[in-house]
C-alpha cells in the first residue's frame, strides 16, 4: 500500500504507474489523480506567507532576504525599517514593539534572548541556534548545540527551524548528512509558507531532473517574493524548459509580492540608507 500525495489515500501499488511508484510520497500521484490532473498537496499548500514573516507592528510581510528589517533581542521580533523610522520620528529610541530599552552590548542582548529561550520561545531558539551555527554574536561555533536548538524550535512549529534543519541535514553540518531528512524538513516548512524552503525544494528537483516539479516550486516561491526563484524560472525559460507564459506568470507574481511588501515608510527608510539586515 502506498499513500497518494494528491488525494492522500492509501492505495494498492497497482494504483500507480511504475514511474509514480518510484517517487517519494509527497510527489507521488495515483493513476486516478494523474488522469484528473489533481495537484499534489505539497503544491496546494504554502501559497501564502506565514505570519512569522510579518512585521509585528504594520503587519506587512518582510522581504525574504532579511533586508529592510531589524531584529530586536528583547522580544525576538523582526521589525521593518519603516516602523523603526516612524518610531524614531516620534522620539522613541527603545524597541518600537515592546518598548524595552536597547540592550547595552551583545552580552546583554544574549541574556535577553536566553531568557526567551528559557520561556519556550521558538524564535529565540532559532536566533540562538543561528548564533551557535555561525559563531556570531559573541558565541563560539557549536553546530551540535545549534541542531539541538533548531530541533526544539521545530517541535514547537517554527518554520525557520525546519528550514535551517533542512540545510544542516543537506550539508551534513553538525549532523550526519541525510537528504531525505532535509527534504522532510523543507517540505514541512514549505507547506506553511516558508519561501526559502520552497526554493530549496525547487533546487533539489531541478538537480534531479524533475523539471516540472522544480518549476512548480519556483513559481510558488516567486509569488511569495523570492528573487532567486525568479532567476531560476528565467534560466529554465532560456533553456526551453519553462514557457514564455511561465516566465510571465513568475514576473507578475514576483512584482505583486514586492508591491505587497512596500510601504511609504519602508521606501523612505530605504532612501535614508536603512535596508541592511539588523543585528542584535
C-alpha atoms as a PDB file:
ATOM      1  CA  UNK A   1       0.000   0.000   0.000  1.00  0.00           C
ATOM      2  CA  UNK A   2       1.231   3.479  -0.901  1.00  0.00           C
ATOM      3  CA  UNK A   3      -0.121   6.897   0.037  1.00  0.00           C
ATOM      4  CA  UNK A   4      -1.004   9.265  -2.812  1.00  0.00           C
ATOM      5  CA  UNK A   5       0.477  12.745  -2.423  1.00  0.00           C
ATOM      6  CA  UNK A   6      -2.579  14.326  -4.060  1.00  0.00           C
ATOM      7  CA  UNK A   7      -5.693  12.623  -2.648  1.00  0.00           C
ATOM      8  CA  UNK A   8      -3.800  11.312   0.420  1.00  0.00           C
ATOM      9  CA  UNK A   9      -5.460   7.901   0.158  1.00  0.00           C
ATOM     10  CA  UNK A  10      -3.582   4.702   0.968  1.00  0.00           C
ATOM     11  CA  UNK A  11      -3.906   2.597  -2.161  1.00  0.00           C
ATOM     12  CA  UNK A  12      -2.522  -0.686  -3.552  1.00  0.00           C
ATOM     13  CA  UNK A  13       0.716  -0.395  -5.512  1.00  0.00           C
ATOM     14  CA  UNK A  14      -1.047  -1.253  -8.771  1.00  0.00           C
ATOM     15  CA  UNK A  15      -2.980   2.034  -8.423  1.00  0.00           C
ATOM     16  CA  UNK A  16       0.195   3.812  -9.526  1.00  0.00           C
ATOM     17  CA  UNK A  17       2.263   3.766 -12.682  1.00  0.00           C
ATOM     18  CA  UNK A  18       5.769   2.356 -12.473  1.00  0.00           C
ATOM     19  CA  UNK A  19       7.261   5.873 -12.534  1.00  0.00           C
ATOM     20  CA  UNK A  20       4.929   7.093  -9.792  1.00  0.00           C
ATOM     21  CA  UNK A  21       5.689   4.121  -7.537  1.00  0.00           C
ATOM     22  CA  UNK A  22       9.350   5.128  -7.552  1.00  0.00           C
ATOM     23  CA  UNK A  23       8.652   8.640  -6.265  1.00  0.00           C
ATOM     24  CA  UNK A  24       8.578   9.723  -2.641  1.00  0.00           C
ATOM     25  CA  UNK A  25       5.135  10.084  -1.098  1.00  0.00           C
ATOM     26  CA  UNK A  26       4.891  13.870  -1.351  1.00  0.00           C
ATOM     27  CA  UNK A  27       5.495  13.735  -5.136  1.00  0.00           C
ATOM     28  CA  UNK A  28       3.527  10.550  -5.890  1.00  0.00           C
ATOM     29  CA  UNK A  29       0.103  10.557  -7.564  1.00  0.00           C
ATOM     30  CA  UNK A  30      -2.172   7.608  -8.118  1.00  0.00           C
ATOM     31  CA  UNK A  31      -3.437   6.856 -11.611  1.00  0.00           C
ATOM     32  CA  UNK A  32      -6.809   8.416 -10.845  1.00  0.00           C
ATOM     33  CA  UNK A  33      -5.239  11.704  -9.718  1.00  0.00           C
ATOM     34  CA  UNK A  34      -2.899  11.781 -12.707  1.00  0.00           C
ATOM     35  CA  UNK A  35      -5.846  11.319 -15.075  1.00  0.00           C
ATOM     36  CA  UNK A  36      -7.869  14.007 -13.297  1.00  0.00           C
ATOM     37  CA  UNK A  37      -4.918  16.398 -13.144  1.00  0.00           C
ATOM     38  CA  UNK A  38      -5.172  16.660  -9.349  1.00  0.00           C
ATOM     39  CA  UNK A  39      -2.431  18.749  -7.739  1.00  0.00           C
ATOM     40  CA  UNK A  40      -0.086  17.432  -5.093  1.00  0.00           C
ATOM     41  CA  UNK A  41      -0.917  18.599  -1.579  1.00  0.00           C
ATOM     42  CA  UNK A  42       2.648  19.941  -1.438  1.00  0.00           C
ATOM     43  CA  UNK A  43       1.785  22.287  -4.301  1.00  0.00           C
ATOM     44  CA  UNK A  44      -1.646  23.294  -2.998  1.00  0.00           C
ATOM     45  CA  UNK A  45      -0.454  24.389   0.440  1.00  0.00           C
ATOM     46  CA  UNK A  46       2.020  27.111   1.396  1.00  0.00           C
ATOM     47  CA  UNK A  47       0.977  29.645  -1.242  1.00  0.00           C
ATOM     48  CA  UNK A  48       0.813  32.482   1.278  1.00  0.00           C
ATOM     49  CA  UNK A  49       3.485  33.725   3.667  1.00  0.00           C
ATOM     50  CA  UNK A  50       3.404  32.673   7.295  1.00  0.00           C
ATOM     51  CA  UNK A  51       2.570  35.243   9.970  1.00  0.00           C
ATOM     52  CA  UNK A  52       6.113  34.628  11.243  1.00  0.00           C
ATOM     53  CA  UNK A  53       7.258  36.681   8.241  1.00  0.00           C
ATOM     54  CA  UNK A  54       5.174  39.783   9.031  1.00  0.00           C
ATOM     55  CA  UNK A  55       6.373  42.921  10.775  1.00  0.00           C
ATOM     56  CA  UNK A  56       4.689  42.777  14.212  1.00  0.00           C
ATOM     57  CA  UNK A  57       3.747  46.465  14.011  1.00  0.00           C
ATOM     58  CA  UNK A  58       2.473  47.183  10.486  1.00  0.00           C
ATOM     59  CA  UNK A  59       1.674  43.505   9.736  1.00  0.00           C
ATOM     60  CA  UNK A  60       3.115  43.759   6.221  1.00  0.00           C
ATOM     61  CA  UNK A  61       5.261  40.825   5.053  1.00  0.00           C
ATOM     62  CA  UNK A  62       9.011  41.323   5.364  1.00  0.00           C
ATOM     63  CA  UNK A  63      11.345  40.729   2.393  1.00  0.00           C
ATOM     64  CA  UNK A  64      12.573  37.104   2.384  1.00  0.00           C
ATOM     65  CA  UNK A  65      16.219  38.213   2.178  1.00  0.00           C
ATOM     66  CA  UNK A  66      16.056  39.748   5.648  1.00  0.00           C
ATOM     67  CA  UNK A  67      16.714  43.266   4.394  1.00  0.00           C
ATOM     68  CA  UNK A  68      14.580  46.252   5.382  1.00  0.00           C
ATOM     69  CA  UNK A  69      14.136  44.952   8.926  1.00  0.00           C
ATOM     70  CA  UNK A  70      15.972  44.849  12.242  1.00  0.00           C
ATOM     71  CA  UNK A  71      15.984  42.104  14.850  1.00  0.00           C
ATOM     72  CA  UNK A  72      15.084  43.036  18.413  1.00  0.00           C
ATOM     73  CA  UNK A  73      16.630  40.823  21.088  1.00  0.00           C
ATOM     74  CA  UNK A  74      14.190  41.935  23.772  1.00  0.00           C
ATOM     75  CA  UNK A  75      11.085  40.447  22.148  1.00  0.00           C
ATOM     76  CA  UNK A  76      12.821  38.365  19.436  1.00  0.00           C
ATOM     77  CA  UNK A  77      10.793  40.172  16.789  1.00  0.00           C
ATOM     78  CA  UNK A  78      11.991  41.443  13.428  1.00  0.00           C
ATOM     79  CA  UNK A  79      10.622  44.955  12.877  1.00  0.00           C
ATOM     80  CA  UNK A  80      10.603  46.607   9.461  1.00  0.00           C
ATOM     81  CA  UNK A  81      12.714  49.706   8.912  1.00  0.00           C
ATOM     82  CA  UNK A  82       9.591  51.711   8.059  1.00  0.00           C
ATOM     83  CA  UNK A  83       8.194  51.164  11.544  1.00  0.00           C
ATOM     84  CA  UNK A  84      11.599  51.812  13.137  1.00  0.00           C
ATOM     85  CA  UNK A  85      11.865  55.121  11.273  1.00  0.00           C
ATOM     86  CA  UNK A  86       8.318  56.075  12.313  1.00  0.00           C
ATOM     87  CA  UNK A  87       9.219  55.363  15.943  1.00  0.00           C
ATOM     88  CA  UNK A  88      12.374  57.467  15.717  1.00  0.00           C
ATOM     89  CA  UNK A  89      10.357  60.367  14.313  1.00  0.00           C
ATOM     90  CA  UNK A  90       8.198  60.182  17.442  1.00  0.00           C
ATOM     91  CA  UNK A  91      11.279  60.233  19.655  1.00  0.00           C
ATOM     92  CA  UNK A  92      11.111  56.537  20.541  1.00  0.00           C
ATOM     93  CA  UNK A  93      14.609  55.097  20.838  1.00  0.00           C
ATOM     94  CA  UNK A  94      13.555  51.916  22.631  1.00  0.00           C
ATOM     95  CA  UNK A  95      12.170  48.842  20.868  1.00  0.00           C
ATOM     96  CA  UNK A  96       9.213  50.131  18.832  1.00  0.00           C
ATOM     97  CA  UNK A  97       7.278  46.920  19.540  1.00  0.00           C
ATOM     98  CA  UNK A  98       7.714  46.146  23.247  1.00  0.00           C
ATOM     99  CA  UNK A  99       9.298  49.465  24.367  1.00  0.00           C
ATOM    100  CA  UNK A 100      12.217  47.713  26.082  1.00  0.00           C
ATOM    101  CA  UNK A 101      15.388  49.835  26.134  1.00  0.00           C
ATOM    102  CA  UNK A 102      18.020  48.865  23.584  1.00  0.00           C
ATOM    103  CA  UNK A 103      20.455  46.327  25.127  1.00  0.00           C
ATOM    104  CA  UNK A 104      23.834  47.647  26.135  1.00  0.00           C
ATOM    105  CA  UNK A 105      26.036  45.407  24.020  1.00  0.00           C
ATOM    106  CA  UNK A 106      25.970  41.834  22.760  1.00  0.00           C
ATOM    107  CA  UNK A 107      26.227  40.235  26.201  1.00  0.00           C
ATOM    108  CA  UNK A 108      23.047  41.892  27.434  1.00  0.00           C
ATOM    109  CA  UNK A 109      21.287  41.050  24.166  1.00  0.00           C
ATOM    110  CA  UNK A 110      22.222  37.382  24.537  1.00  0.00           C
ATOM    111  CA  UNK A 111      20.882  37.417  28.097  1.00  0.00           C
ATOM    112  CA  UNK A 112      17.568  38.700  26.754  1.00  0.00           C
ATOM    113  CA  UNK A 113      17.443  36.012  24.082  1.00  0.00           C
ATOM    114  CA  UNK A 114      18.351  33.261  26.540  1.00  0.00           C
ATOM    115  CA  UNK A 115      15.531  34.435  28.794  1.00  0.00           C
ATOM    116  CA  UNK A 116      13.108  33.996  25.896  1.00  0.00           C
ATOM    117  CA  UNK A 117      14.597  30.560  25.140  1.00  0.00           C
ATOM    118  CA  UNK A 118      14.040  29.532  28.772  1.00  0.00           C
ATOM    119  CA  UNK A 119      10.430  30.685  28.402  1.00  0.00           C
ATOM    120  CA  UNK A 120       9.983  28.342  25.426  1.00  0.00           C
ATOM    121  CA  UNK A 121      10.022  30.891  22.607  1.00  0.00           C
ATOM    122  CA  UNK A 122      10.814  29.013  19.356  1.00  0.00           C
ATOM    123  CA  UNK A 123      12.052  32.116  17.526  1.00  0.00           C
ATOM    124  CA  UNK A 124      14.509  32.813  20.339  1.00  0.00           C
ATOM    125  CA  UNK A 125      15.740  29.234  19.950  1.00  0.00           C
ATOM    126  CA  UNK A 126      16.226  29.810  16.221  1.00  0.00           C
ATOM    127  CA  UNK A 127      18.140  33.018  16.886  1.00  0.00           C
ATOM    128  CA  UNK A 128      20.434  31.377  19.420  1.00  0.00           C
ATOM    129  CA  UNK A 129      20.826  28.380  17.106  1.00  0.00           C
ATOM    130  CA  UNK A 130      21.913  30.655  14.282  1.00  0.00           C
ATOM    131  CA  UNK A 131      24.462  32.276  16.585  1.00  0.00           C
ATOM    132  CA  UNK A 132      25.970  28.910  17.511  1.00  0.00           C
ATOM    133  CA  UNK A 133      25.815  27.690  13.918  1.00  0.00           C
ATOM    134  CA  UNK A 134      27.883  30.590  12.602  1.00  0.00           C
ATOM    135  CA  UNK A 135      29.843  31.582  15.721  1.00  0.00           C
ATOM    136  CA  UNK A 136      28.233  35.013  15.782  1.00  0.00           C
ATOM    137  CA  UNK A 137      27.104  37.467  18.455  1.00  0.00           C
ATOM    138  CA  UNK A 138      29.907  36.515  20.822  1.00  0.00           C
ATOM    139  CA  UNK A 139      29.132  32.783  20.736  1.00  0.00           C
ATOM    140  CA  UNK A 140      31.632  30.056  19.948  1.00  0.00           C
ATOM    141  CA  UNK A 141      30.719  27.994  16.892  1.00  0.00           C
ATOM    142  CA  UNK A 142      28.909  24.865  18.062  1.00  0.00           C
ATOM    143  CA  UNK A 143      26.929  23.047  15.370  1.00  0.00           C
ATOM    144  CA  UNK A 144      25.720  20.352  17.765  1.00  0.00           C
ATOM    145  CA  UNK A 145      24.206  22.966  20.060  1.00  0.00           C
ATOM    146  CA  UNK A 146      22.681  24.701  17.036  1.00  0.00           C
ATOM    147  CA  UNK A 147      20.979  21.476  15.939  1.00  0.00           C
ATOM    148  CA  UNK A 148      19.588  20.936  19.450  1.00  0.00           C
ATOM    149  CA  UNK A 149      18.064  24.406  19.492  1.00  0.00           C
ATOM    150  CA  UNK A 150      16.635  24.119  15.979  1.00  0.00           C
ATOM    151  CA  UNK A 151      15.092  20.737  16.798  1.00  0.00           C
ATOM    152  CA  UNK A 152      13.397  22.164  19.890  1.00  0.00           C
ATOM    153  CA  UNK A 153      12.072  25.079  17.853  1.00  0.00           C
ATOM    154  CA  UNK A 154      10.884  22.749  15.070  1.00  0.00           C
ATOM    155  CA  UNK A 155       8.913  20.694  17.585  1.00  0.00           C
ATOM    156  CA  UNK A 156       7.162  23.938  18.524  1.00  0.00           C
ATOM    157  CA  UNK A 157       6.295  24.565  14.872  1.00  0.00           C
ATOM    158  CA  UNK A 158       8.814  27.232  13.843  1.00  0.00           C
ATOM    159  CA  UNK A 159       9.179  27.342  10.055  1.00  0.00           C
ATOM    160  CA  UNK A 160      12.630  28.877  10.311  1.00  0.00           C
ATOM    161  CA  UNK A 161      13.797  25.923  12.401  1.00  0.00           C
ATOM    162  CA  UNK A 162      12.590  23.408   9.803  1.00  0.00           C
ATOM    163  CA  UNK A 163      14.239  25.435   7.044  1.00  0.00           C
ATOM    164  CA  UNK A 164      17.584  25.580   8.866  1.00  0.00           C
ATOM    165  CA  UNK A 165      17.470  21.905   9.843  1.00  0.00           C
ATOM    166  CA  UNK A 166      16.894  21.063   6.198  1.00  0.00           C
ATOM    167  CA  UNK A 167      20.049  22.946   5.317  1.00  0.00           C
ATOM    168  CA  UNK A 168      22.056  21.268   8.081  1.00  0.00           C
ATOM    169  CA  UNK A 169      20.950  17.775   7.083  1.00  0.00           C
ATOM    170  CA  UNK A 170      21.540  18.527   3.412  1.00  0.00           C
ATOM    171  CA  UNK A 171      25.103  19.738   4.003  1.00  0.00           C
ATOM    172  CA  UNK A 172      25.917  17.417   6.919  1.00  0.00           C
ATOM    173  CA  UNK A 173      26.792  20.296   9.242  1.00  0.00           C
ATOM    174  CA  UNK A 174      26.632  19.115  12.850  1.00  0.00           C
ATOM    175  CA  UNK A 175      24.658  16.030  11.828  1.00  0.00           C
ATOM    176  CA  UNK A 176      25.091  13.025   9.568  1.00  0.00           C
ATOM    177  CA  UNK A 177      24.208  14.053   6.030  1.00  0.00           C
ATOM    178  CA  UNK A 178      20.677  12.884   5.241  1.00  0.00           C
ATOM    179  CA  UNK A 179      18.958  14.274   2.144  1.00  0.00           C
ATOM    180  CA  UNK A 180      15.687  12.527   2.981  1.00  0.00           C
ATOM    181  CA  UNK A 181      15.516  14.313   6.355  1.00  0.00           C
ATOM    182  CA  UNK A 182      16.453  17.596   4.682  1.00  0.00           C
ATOM    183  CA  UNK A 183      13.564  17.190   2.260  1.00  0.00           C
ATOM    184  CA  UNK A 184      11.105  16.348   5.049  1.00  0.00           C
ATOM    185  CA  UNK A 185      12.085  19.469   6.982  1.00  0.00           C
ATOM    186  CA  UNK A 186      11.877  21.668   3.893  1.00  0.00           C
ATOM    187  CA  UNK A 187       8.500  20.224   2.971  1.00  0.00           C
ATOM    188  CA  UNK A 188       7.222  20.855   6.496  1.00  0.00           C
ATOM    189  CA  UNK A 189       8.276  24.499   6.211  1.00  0.00           C
ATOM    190  CA  UNK A 190       7.170  24.948   2.588  1.00  0.00           C
ATOM    191  CA  UNK A 191       3.554  23.903   3.194  1.00  0.00           C
ATOM    192  CA  UNK A 192       3.400  26.627   5.863  1.00  0.00           C
ATOM    193  CA  UNK A 193       4.631  29.341   3.505  1.00  0.00           C
ATOM    194  CA  UNK A 194       8.412  29.342   4.060  1.00  0.00           C
ATOM    195  CA  UNK A 195       9.944  30.971   0.983  1.00  0.00           C
ATOM    196  CA  UNK A 196      13.497  29.641   1.335  1.00  0.00           C
ATOM    197  CA  UNK A 197      12.346  26.074   1.969  1.00  0.00           C
ATOM    198  CA  UNK A 198      10.145  26.207  -1.138  1.00  0.00           C
ATOM    199  CA  UNK A 199      13.047  27.485  -3.243  1.00  0.00           C
ATOM    200  CA  UNK A 200      15.319  24.753  -1.884  1.00  0.00           C
ATOM    201  CA  UNK A 201      12.822  22.069  -2.882  1.00  0.00           C
ATOM    202  CA  UNK A 202      12.777  23.508  -6.382  1.00  0.00           C
ATOM    203  CA  UNK A 203      16.571  23.420  -6.448  1.00  0.00           C
ATOM    204  CA  UNK A 204      16.620  19.745  -5.447  1.00  0.00           C
ATOM    205  CA  UNK A 205      14.017  18.770  -8.039  1.00  0.00           C
ATOM    206  CA  UNK A 206      15.924  20.667 -10.731  1.00  0.00           C
ATOM    207  CA  UNK A 207      19.149  18.868  -9.833  1.00  0.00           C
ATOM    208  CA  UNK A 208      17.300  15.554 -10.004  1.00  0.00           C
ATOM    209  CA  UNK A 209      16.000  16.382 -13.485  1.00  0.00           C
ATOM    210  CA  UNK A 210      12.379  16.696 -12.310  1.00  0.00           C
ATOM    211  CA  UNK A 211      11.905  19.983 -14.144  1.00  0.00           C
ATOM    212  CA  UNK A 212       8.107  20.108 -13.979  1.00  0.00           C
ATOM    213  CA  UNK A 213       8.134  19.795 -10.189  1.00  0.00           C
ATOM    214  CA  UNK A 214      11.053  22.226  -9.921  1.00  0.00           C
ATOM    215  CA  UNK A 215       9.173  24.809 -11.977  1.00  0.00           C
ATOM    216  CA  UNK A 216       6.076  24.454  -9.800  1.00  0.00           C
ATOM    217  CA  UNK A 217       8.129  25.062  -6.654  1.00  0.00           C
ATOM    218  CA  UNK A 218       9.923  28.051  -8.193  1.00  0.00           C
ATOM    219  CA  UNK A 219       6.665  29.608  -9.368  1.00  0.00           C
ATOM    220  CA  UNK A 220       5.171  29.342  -5.886  1.00  0.00           C
ATOM    221  CA  UNK A 221       8.312  30.794  -4.282  1.00  0.00           C
ATOM    222  CA  UNK A 222       8.412  33.611  -6.838  1.00  0.00           C
ATOM    223  CA  UNK A 223       4.863  34.605  -5.941  1.00  0.00           C
ATOM    224  CA  UNK A 224       5.978  34.722  -2.298  1.00  0.00           C
ATOM    225  CA  UNK A 225       8.718  37.206  -3.192  1.00  0.00           C
ATOM    226  CA  UNK A 226      11.754  35.019  -3.918  1.00  0.00           C
ATOM    227  CA  UNK A 227      14.115  36.752  -6.331  1.00  0.00           C
ATOM    228  CA  UNK A 228      16.398  33.670  -6.594  1.00  0.00           C
ATOM    229  CA  UNK A 229      13.378  31.618  -7.708  1.00  0.00           C
ATOM    230  CA  UNK A 230      12.514  34.243 -10.310  1.00  0.00           C
ATOM    231  CA  UNK A 231      16.045  33.908 -11.673  1.00  0.00           C
ATOM    232  CA  UNK A 232      15.685  30.120 -11.830  1.00  0.00           C
ATOM    233  CA  UNK A 233      12.431  30.425 -13.793  1.00  0.00           C
ATOM    234  CA  UNK A 234      14.197  32.806 -16.170  1.00  0.00           C
ATOM    235  CA  UNK A 235      17.030  30.305 -16.661  1.00  0.00           C
ATOM    236  CA  UNK A 236      14.563  27.470 -17.236  1.00  0.00           C
ATOM    237  CA  UNK A 237      12.833  29.637 -19.840  1.00  0.00           C
ATOM    238  CA  UNK A 238      16.163  30.319 -21.568  1.00  0.00           C
ATOM    239  CA  UNK A 239      16.845  26.569 -21.584  1.00  0.00           C
ATOM    240  CA  UNK A 240      13.489  25.872 -23.212  1.00  0.00           C
ATOM    241  CA  UNK A 241      12.071  24.072 -20.167  1.00  0.00           C
ATOM    242  CA  UNK A 242       9.732  26.800 -18.930  1.00  0.00           C
ATOM    243  CA  UNK A 243       7.395  28.527 -21.360  1.00  0.00           C
ATOM    244  CA  UNK A 244       7.049  32.229 -22.054  1.00  0.00           C
ATOM    245  CA  UNK A 245       3.740  32.085 -20.193  1.00  0.00           C
ATOM    246  CA  UNK A 246       5.507  30.529 -17.170  1.00  0.00           C
ATOM    247  CA  UNK A 247       8.078  33.315 -17.093  1.00  0.00           C
ATOM    248  CA  UNK A 248       5.398  35.986 -17.492  1.00  0.00           C
ATOM    249  CA  UNK A 249       3.455  34.417 -14.616  1.00  0.00           C
ATOM    250  CA  UNK A 250       6.600  34.454 -12.471  1.00  0.00           C
ATOM    251  CA  UNK A 251       7.274  38.114 -13.248  1.00  0.00           C
ATOM    252  CA  UNK A 252       3.709  39.130 -12.402  1.00  0.00           C
ATOM    253  CA  UNK A 253       3.726  37.110  -9.208  1.00  0.00           C
ATOM    254  CA  UNK A 254       7.067  38.479  -8.068  1.00  0.00           C
ATOM    255  CA  UNK A 255       6.075  42.079  -8.775  1.00  0.00           C
ATOM    256  CA  UNK A 256       2.827  41.595  -6.873  1.00  0.00           C
ATOM    257  CA  UNK A 257       4.745  40.228  -3.875  1.00  0.00           C
ATOM    258  CA  UNK A 258       7.191  43.131  -3.978  1.00  0.00           C
ATOM    259  CA  UNK A 259       4.327  45.635  -4.020  1.00  0.00           C
ATOM    260  CA  UNK A 260       2.740  43.868  -1.053  1.00  0.00           C
ATOM    261  CA  UNK A 261       5.968  44.298   0.913  1.00  0.00           C
ATOM    262  CA  UNK A 262       6.289  48.006   0.119  1.00  0.00           C
ATOM    263  CA  UNK A 263       5.054  50.921   2.207  1.00  0.00           C
ATOM    264  CA  UNK A 264       5.765  54.662   2.195  1.00  0.00           C
ATOM    265  CA  UNK A 265       7.667  54.246   5.452  1.00  0.00           C
ATOM    266  CA  UNK A 266       9.871  51.484   4.089  1.00  0.00           C
ATOM    267  CA  UNK A 267      10.535  53.455   0.910  1.00  0.00           C
ATOM    268  CA  UNK A 268      11.571  56.473   2.975  1.00  0.00           C
ATOM    269  CA  UNK A 269      13.772  54.342   5.215  1.00  0.00           C
ATOM    270  CA  UNK A 270      15.483  52.863   2.170  1.00  0.00           C
ATOM    271  CA  UNK A 271      16.089  56.329   0.717  1.00  0.00           C
ATOM    272  CA  UNK A 272      17.707  57.352   4.012  1.00  0.00           C
ATOM    273  CA  UNK A 273      20.068  54.378   3.953  1.00  0.00           C
ATOM    274  CA  UNK A 274      18.110  51.876   6.017  1.00  0.00           C
ATOM    275  CA  UNK A 275      17.905  48.491   4.399  1.00  0.00           C
ATOM    276  CA  UNK A 276      20.596  46.153   5.640  1.00  0.00           C
ATOM    277  CA  UNK A 277      19.983  43.222   7.932  1.00  0.00           C
ATOM    278  CA  UNK A 278      19.732  44.420  11.504  1.00  0.00           C
ATOM    279  CA  UNK A 279      21.847  42.979  14.319  1.00  0.00           C
ATOM    280  CA  UNK A 280      21.222  42.204  17.960  1.00  0.00           C
END
